[in-house]
Protein backbone atom coordinates (compact mmCIF):
# COMPACT_ATOMS: atom_id res chain seq x y z
CA UNK A 1 18.79 18.93 -17.00
CA UNK A 2 18.52 18.16 -12.84
CA UNK A 3 14.93 17.45 -13.54
CA UNK A 4 14.97 16.45 -16.41
CA UNK A 5 17.53 13.53 -14.63
CA UNK A 6 15.01 13.28 -12.26
CA UNK A 7 12.21 12.71 -13.75
CA UNK A 8 13.46 9.52 -15.83
CA UNK A 9 14.78 7.99 -12.96
CA UNK A 10 11.10 8.17 -11.22
CA UNK A 11 9.88 7.15 -15.16
CA UNK A 12 12.29 3.91 -14.96
CA UNK A 13 11.15 2.60 -11.36
CA UNK A 14 7.13 2.66 -12.64
CA UNK A 15 7.28 1.77 -16.28
CA UNK A 16 7.43 -1.55 -16.05
CA UNK A 17 6.42 -4.67 -13.07
CA UNK A 18 8.57 -6.19 -11.01
CA UNK A 19 7.85 -9.67 -12.06
CA UNK A 20 11.15 -11.81 -10.66
CA UNK A 21 9.68 -12.61 -7.53
CA UNK A 22 13.37 -12.18 -5.79
CA UNK A 23 14.14 -8.12 -6.36
CA UNK A 24 10.21 -7.67 -5.85
CA UNK A 25 10.91 -7.30 -2.28
CA UNK A 26 10.25 -4.15 0.11
CA UNK A 27 9.89 -3.37 3.98
CA UNK A 28 7.43 -1.45 5.58
CA UNK A 29 8.29 0.02 8.40
CA UNK A 30 5.79 0.11 11.38
CA UNK A 31 5.38 3.87 13.15
CA UNK A 32 9.30 4.86 11.68
CA UNK A 33 10.85 1.60 12.89
CA UNK A 34 12.87 -0.25 13.18
CA UNK A 35 10.30 -2.74 13.99
CA UNK A 36 9.24 -3.76 9.93
CA UNK A 37 7.80 -6.19 7.65
CA UNK A 38 8.05 -7.60 4.32
CA UNK A 39 6.13 -7.12 0.81
CA UNK A 40 6.49 -8.63 -2.12
CA UNK A 41 4.85 -6.17 -4.79
CA UNK A 42 4.67 -5.66 -8.15
CA UNK A 43 5.91 -1.82 -8.21
CA UNK A 44 7.82 0.57 -5.07
CA UNK A 45 5.31 1.99 -2.39
CA UNK A 46 7.20 4.95 -1.94
CA UNK A 47 7.99 5.63 -5.60
CA UNK A 48 5.22 8.28 -7.26
CA UNK A 49 2.99 6.61 -9.93
CA UNK A 50 0.78 8.36 -12.20
CA UNK A 51 0.00 5.10 -14.48
CA UNK A 52 -1.52 2.61 -11.21
CA UNK A 53 -5.22 2.65 -11.90
CA UNK A 54 -5.84 -0.06 -9.08
CA UNK A 55 -3.99 -2.80 -6.49
CA UNK A 56 -4.59 -6.09 -5.59
CA UNK A 57 -2.80 -7.24 -1.30
CA UNK A 58 -3.10 -10.87 -1.64
CA UNK A 59 -2.74 -12.63 2.05
CA UNK A 60 -1.47 -16.24 1.84
CA UNK A 61 -2.97 -19.25 3.64
CA UNK A 62 -1.57 -20.96 6.81
CA UNK A 63 1.96 -22.23 5.34
CA UNK A 64 2.75 -18.06 4.53
CA UNK A 65 4.48 -18.65 1.35
CA UNK A 66 3.68 -15.29 0.22
CA UNK A 67 6.13 -15.42 -2.70
CA UNK A 68 4.14 -18.52 -3.45
CA UNK A 69 0.66 -16.29 -3.09
CA UNK A 70 2.55 -13.77 -5.65
CA UNK A 71 3.29 -15.85 -7.91
CA UNK A 72 -0.03 -17.02 -8.16
CA UNK A 73 -1.38 -13.73 -7.96
CA UNK A 74 1.44 -12.11 -11.10
CA UNK A 75 -0.45 -14.73 -13.18
CA UNK A 76 -3.56 -13.52 -12.34
CA UNK A 77 -2.83 -9.87 -13.36
CA UNK A 78 -0.96 -11.45 -16.27
CA UNK A 79 -4.18 -13.34 -17.24
CA UNK A 80 -5.88 -10.74 -17.26
CA UNK A 81 -3.94 -7.78 -18.46
CA UNK A 82 -3.56 -6.09 -15.73
CA UNK A 83 -0.10 -5.81 -14.90
CA UNK A 84 1.03 -2.44 -15.85
CA UNK A 85 -1.71 -0.44 -13.95
CA UNK A 86 -2.56 -3.12 -10.88
CA UNK A 87 -0.36 -3.41 -8.71
CA UNK A 88 -0.04 -6.29 -6.68
CA UNK A 89 1.62 -6.62 -3.46
CA UNK A 90 1.77 -10.51 -1.00
CA UNK A 91 2.25 -9.45 2.76
CA UNK A 92 4.56 -11.99 4.40
CA UNK A 93 3.04 -12.32 7.79
CA UNK A 94 6.26 -13.73 9.22
CA UNK A 95 6.37 -15.79 12.85
CA UNK A 96 8.27 -17.34 14.47
CA UNK A 97 6.14 -18.94 17.28
CA UNK A 98 4.33 -22.43 18.36
CA UNK A 99 4.69 -24.56 15.09
CA UNK A 100 5.55 -21.55 12.76
CA UNK A 101 9.54 -21.88 12.09
CA UNK A 102 10.43 -18.46 9.79
CA UNK A 103 13.46 -16.86 9.22
CA UNK A 104 13.23 -13.95 11.13
CA UNK A 105 15.48 -9.99 9.24
CA UNK A 106 16.53 -7.85 11.76
CA UNK A 107 13.66 -5.57 13.63
CA UNK A 108 11.04 -8.19 12.02
CA UNK A 109 7.93 -8.69 13.43
CA UNK A 110 6.51 -11.80 14.47
CA UNK A 111 3.11 -12.37 14.40
CA UNK A 112 1.45 -14.55 16.82
CA UNK A 113 1.02 -17.90 15.27
CA UNK A 114 -0.23 -20.37 17.80
CA UNK A 115 -3.44 -20.58 18.03
CA UNK A 116 -3.80 -19.08 14.79
CA UNK A 117 -3.71 -15.60 15.66
CA UNK A 118 -2.00 -13.88 13.22
CA UNK A 119 -5.30 -14.61 10.96
CA UNK A 120 -7.83 -12.86 12.88
CA UNK A 121 -6.23 -9.20 14.07
CA UNK A 122 -3.54 -10.68 17.44
CA UNK A 123 -1.48 -9.31 18.14
CA UNK A 124 2.66 -9.31 17.34
CA UNK A 125 4.78 -11.46 19.84
CA UNK A 126 7.99 -8.87 19.56
CA UNK A 127 5.96 -5.55 19.99
CA UNK A 128 2.86 -5.99 21.74
CA UNK A 129 1.92 -2.21 20.45
CA UNK A 130 1.08 -4.45 17.10
CA UNK A 131 -1.46 -6.42 15.12
CA UNK A 132 -1.78 -8.69 12.44
CA UNK A 133 -4.17 -6.23 10.76
CA UNK A 134 -2.13 -3.34 11.70
CA UNK A 135 -0.24 -4.57 8.23
CA UNK A 136 -2.68 -4.10 5.83
CA UNK A 137 -3.77 -1.01 7.81
CA UNK A 138 -0.55 0.58 6.63
CA UNK A 139 -0.50 -1.06 2.85
CA UNK A 140 -4.12 0.70 2.22
CA UNK A 141 -2.74 4.25 4.00
CA UNK A 142 0.63 3.61 1.65
CA UNK A 143 -1.71 3.19 -1.11
CA UNK A 144 -4.07 6.16 -0.34
CA UNK A 145 -1.47 8.65 -0.41
CA UNK A 146 -2.26 10.80 -4.05
CA UNK A 147 0.71 12.41 -3.91
CA UNK A 148 2.12 8.72 -5.00
CA UNK A 149 -0.84 6.86 -6.60
CA UNK A 150 -2.61 9.51 -8.04
CA UNK A 151 -4.48 7.81 -10.51
CA UNK A 152 -5.61 5.12 -8.33
CA UNK A 153 -9.38 4.11 -8.03
CA UNK A 154 -9.95 0.89 -6.62
CA UNK A 155 -8.43 -1.53 -3.41
CA UNK A 156 -9.62 -5.31 -3.76
CA UNK A 157 -8.28 -7.46 -0.57
CA UNK A 158 -8.05 -11.24 -1.28
CA UNK A 159 -6.76 -13.89 0.67
CA UNK A 160 -7.14 -17.65 0.45
CA UNK A 161 -7.49 -20.40 3.13
CA UNK A 162 -6.07 -18.98 6.48
CA UNK A 163 -5.82 -15.62 3.93
CA UNK A 164 -9.22 -15.72 3.70
CA UNK A 165 -10.08 -16.17 7.21
CA UNK A 166 -7.57 -13.29 7.79
CA UNK A 167 -9.47 -11.10 5.16
CA UNK A 168 -12.88 -11.47 6.28
CA UNK A 169 -12.28 -10.85 9.81
CA UNK A 170 -10.82 -8.09 8.39
CA UNK A 171 -12.88 -6.22 6.69
CA UNK A 172 -15.64 -6.57 9.90
CA UNK A 173 -12.94 -4.78 11.60
CA UNK A 174 -10.64 -2.60 10.14
CA UNK A 175 -10.63 0.97 11.29
CA UNK A 176 -9.41 2.69 8.03
CA UNK A 177 -11.97 1.67 4.90
CA UNK A 178 -14.14 4.63 5.20
CA UNK A 179 -10.53 7.24 5.03
CA UNK A 180 -8.76 6.28 2.46
CA UNK A 181 -10.26 8.26 -0.24
CA UNK A 182 -10.41 4.76 -2.83
CA UNK A 183 -12.59 2.33 -2.74
CA UNK A 184 -11.71 -0.82 -0.63
CA UNK A 185 -13.26 -3.85 -2.15
CA UNK A 186 -12.26 -7.29 0.14
CA UNK A 187 -12.79 -11.44 -1.98
CA UNK A 188 -12.70 -14.07 1.11
CA UNK A 189 -12.08 -17.26 -0.63
CA UNK A 190 -12.16 -20.78 0.57
CA UNK A 191 -11.47 -20.08 4.32
CA UNK A 192 -12.20 -22.77 6.41
CA UNK A 193 -14.09 -20.76 8.82
CA UNK A 194 -16.29 -17.27 9.25
CA UNK A 195 -16.51 -14.63 12.61
CA UNK A 196 -20.41 -14.64 12.85
CA UNK A 197 -22.08 -11.79 14.61
CA UNK A 198 -24.28 -13.64 17.13
CA UNK A 199 -25.56 -17.31 18.79
CA UNK A 200 -27.33 -18.76 15.30
CA UNK A 201 -25.37 -21.40 12.69
CA UNK A 202 -26.96 -22.64 9.47
CA UNK A 203 -29.73 -25.74 10.63
CA UNK A 204 -28.75 -28.83 9.43
CA UNK A 205 -31.39 -29.82 6.72
CA UNK A 206 -32.56 -26.30 5.89
CA UNK A 207 -31.72 -22.75 4.50
CA UNK A 208 -32.44 -21.96 8.51
CA UNK A 209 -30.13 -19.64 10.94
CA UNK A 210 -31.12 -20.51 14.17
CA UNK A 211 -30.11 -20.48 17.95
CA UNK A 212 -26.91 -23.16 18.15
CA UNK A 213 -28.53 -26.04 20.56
CA UNK A 214 -25.33 -28.45 20.97
CA UNK A 215 -23.67 -25.66 23.14
CA UNK A 216 -22.59 -27.76 26.16
CA UNK A 217 -20.56 -29.42 23.87
CA UNK A 218 -19.24 -27.15 21.98
CA UNK A 219 -18.46 -24.51 24.30
CA UNK A 220 -16.94 -21.81 22.40
CA UNK A 221 -18.91 -22.25 18.83
CA UNK A 222 -19.59 -17.88 19.76
CA UNK A 223 -15.81 -17.07 21.12
CA UNK A 224 -13.49 -15.56 19.26
CA UNK A 225 -12.56 -15.68 15.49
CA UNK A 226 -15.74 -18.25 15.27
CA UNK A 227 -18.01 -15.61 17.04
CA UNK A 228 -17.95 -12.56 19.08
CA UNK A 229 -17.76 -13.44 22.33
CA UNK A 230 -14.11 -13.46 24.41
CA UNK A 231 -12.49 -10.74 21.61
CA UNK A 232 -9.73 -10.17 24.78
CA UNK A 233 -6.91 -8.53 22.86
CA UNK A 234 -5.75 -7.79 19.31
CA UNK A 235 -7.45 -5.21 16.98
CA UNK A 236 -10.62 -6.01 17.50
CA UNK A 237 -11.11 -5.62 21.19
CA UNK A 238 -11.89 -1.98 21.41
CA UNK A 239 -14.62 -2.80 18.89
CA UNK A 240 -17.96 -2.92 20.24
CA UNK A 241 -20.12 -5.90 19.01
CA UNK A 242 -22.33 -3.48 17.29
CA UNK A 243 -19.72 -1.19 15.65
CA UNK A 244 -18.53 -5.18 14.07
CA UNK A 245 -21.95 -5.96 12.69
CA UNK A 246 -22.23 -2.32 11.35
CA UNK A 247 -19.04 -2.54 9.99
CA UNK A 248 -19.42 -5.87 7.90
CA UNK A 249 -22.70 -5.49 7.23
CA UNK A 250 -22.02 -2.19 4.85
CA UNK A 251 -18.95 -3.40 3.44
CA UNK A 252 -18.31 -4.29 -0.01
CA UNK A 253 -18.08 -8.81 0.52
CA UNK A 254 -17.32 -11.04 -2.29
CA UNK A 255 -16.83 -14.62 -1.52
CA UNK A 256 -15.38 -17.14 -3.97
CA UNK A 257 -15.39 -20.91 -3.54
CA UNK A 258 -13.92 -23.89 -4.93
CA UNK A 259 -17.01 -26.30 -6.62
CA UNK A 260 -15.76 -28.68 -5.53
CA UNK A 261 -13.66 -27.50 -2.12
CA UNK A 262 -15.70 -29.75 0.13
CA UNK A 263 -12.86 -32.36 1.14
CA UNK A 264 -11.32 -32.88 4.81
CA UNK A 265 -7.58 -31.00 3.42
CA UNK A 266 -5.14 -28.45 3.17
CA UNK A 267 -5.79 -27.70 7.03
CA UNK A 268 -9.77 -28.06 6.83
CA UNK A 269 -10.74 -26.68 10.31
CA UNK A 270 -12.91 -30.57 12.19
CA UNK A 271 -12.93 -28.62 15.27
CA UNK A 272 -16.52 -28.54 16.87
CA UNK A 273 -16.76 -24.49 16.55
CA UNK A 274 -16.05 -24.69 12.39
CA UNK A 275 -18.33 -28.13 12.45
CA UNK A 276 -20.94 -26.03 13.53
CA UNK A 277 -20.49 -23.02 10.28
CA UNK A 278 -21.34 -25.90 8.06
CA UNK A 279 -19.28 -29.18 6.34
CA UNK A 280 -17.20 -27.99 4.09
CA UNK A 281 -15.85 -24.73 3.68
CA UNK A 282 -18.23 -24.67 0.48
CA UNK A 283 -21.58 -25.23 2.60
CA UNK A 284 -19.73 -22.99 5.04
CA UNK A 285 -19.16 -19.48 2.85
CA UNK A 286 -22.57 -20.32 0.89
CA UNK A 287 -23.90 -20.21 4.19
CA UNK A 288 -22.23 -17.42 5.44
CA UNK A 289 -22.85 -15.68 3.12
CA UNK A 290 -26.30 -16.05 3.00
CA UNK A 291 -26.65 -15.45 7.07
CA UNK A 292 -24.51 -11.79 6.74
CA UNK A 293 -27.31 -10.75 3.52
CA UNK A 294 -30.53 -12.22 5.43
CA UNK A 295 -30.10 -11.60 9.28
CA UNK A 296 -28.25 -8.37 8.92
CA UNK A 297 -29.12 -6.49 5.83
CA UNK A 298 -25.64 -6.90 4.13
CA UNK A 299 -24.93 -6.96 0.00
CA UNK A 300 -22.60 -9.16 -0.13
CA UNK A 301 -22.00 -11.91 -3.10
CA UNK A 302 -20.52 -15.46 -3.06
CA UNK A 303 -19.04 -16.88 -6.94
CA UNK A 304 -18.73 -20.73 -7.21
CA UNK A 305 -15.45 -21.39 -8.97
CA UNK A 306 -16.51 -24.13 -11.12
CA UNK A 307 -14.03 -27.11 -11.27
CA UNK A 308 -11.88 -25.17 -8.15
CA UNK A 309 -10.79 -26.87 -4.62
CA UNK A 310 -8.43 -25.96 -2.82
CA UNK A 311 -6.42 -24.02 -4.57
CA UNK A 312 -4.92 -20.59 -5.06
CA UNK A 313 -3.75 -20.61 -8.17
CA UNK A 314 -7.29 -22.38 -9.65
CA UNK A 315 -9.73 -19.70 -8.18
CA UNK A 316 -7.43 -16.71 -8.39
CA UNK A 317 -6.80 -17.34 -11.98
CA UNK A 318 -10.03 -18.76 -12.82
CA UNK A 319 -12.25 -16.53 -15.39
CA UNK A 320 -14.63 -15.91 -12.57
CA UNK A 321 -12.01 -14.81 -10.10
CA UNK A 322 -9.96 -12.36 -12.35
CA UNK A 323 -13.09 -9.65 -12.73
CA UNK A 324 -13.43 -10.27 -9.27
CA UNK A 325 -9.04 -9.40 -8.76
CA UNK A 326 -9.20 -6.71 -11.65
CA UNK A 327 -12.59 -4.41 -12.16
CA UNK A 328 -12.41 -2.68 -15.53
CA UNK A 329 -14.18 0.76 -14.23
CA UNK A 330 -11.48 2.18 -12.98
CA UNK A 331 -10.17 4.60 -16.38
């Protein structure tokens, strides 16, 4: 009788997805605590759940509004008919430094806002042992536990805008990809910039990539996170340029680009190292996708979403995006 009761409790915990946002939070602790960060999720991360076949992680933008990104991901999962067999997770990368003014709970990690280093694996301000990429590493390790998610067949790590910057660099840098036992794909949506792998950039007026010729006036064009130089701290500092190039080329990435994301709006990066990558987010994404395939032998793809600008809800709920975010061949 006791075993039956425990089974019923476990079943009740995973039978229906959590969709009320305010009640869908969970704390993830690092190395046994007390340091912790919060995620929004449709199902608990530690309760055995054999119905889950796929996972979608969505990294928020510069506003660090994980709750709104969770709502967007919920809408996408509903439209795809995937709520019942997909765990949707939206991490909250909270910060109280620089221009960031989030309210932190006790022991909550504050990720570095200054210089936007949370977007590129920077070190936390209140825990020098943690970087922002460690957060997603920890989520992936939890998802890969066969005793909790025995039916999981696919994980998608996605992000829009600043979150797209995070995911592009995380796809390049993370050291857990090959060790999880579950395939992981990456969806990079409308970022303002990319981490280039060498000193070439798109050449204006042609489809070529040439050595950047304005280095004297734009001395930071190839410095991290726009290029691989000066990685003096954070997650990527211990990796060689060769490792990062090899990892990015080998990993499955889709660039999700808005057809009308062509205006300098929504936190558009107009700095010289960003402008060296192209005049608009659409142009930068198309160029970078071609660049990694042509120069480094990657097999990345890009999808242009019709009639979408710099808007996560438009992008992630589009007919173009749904089969990428929720792969169907997982059963």
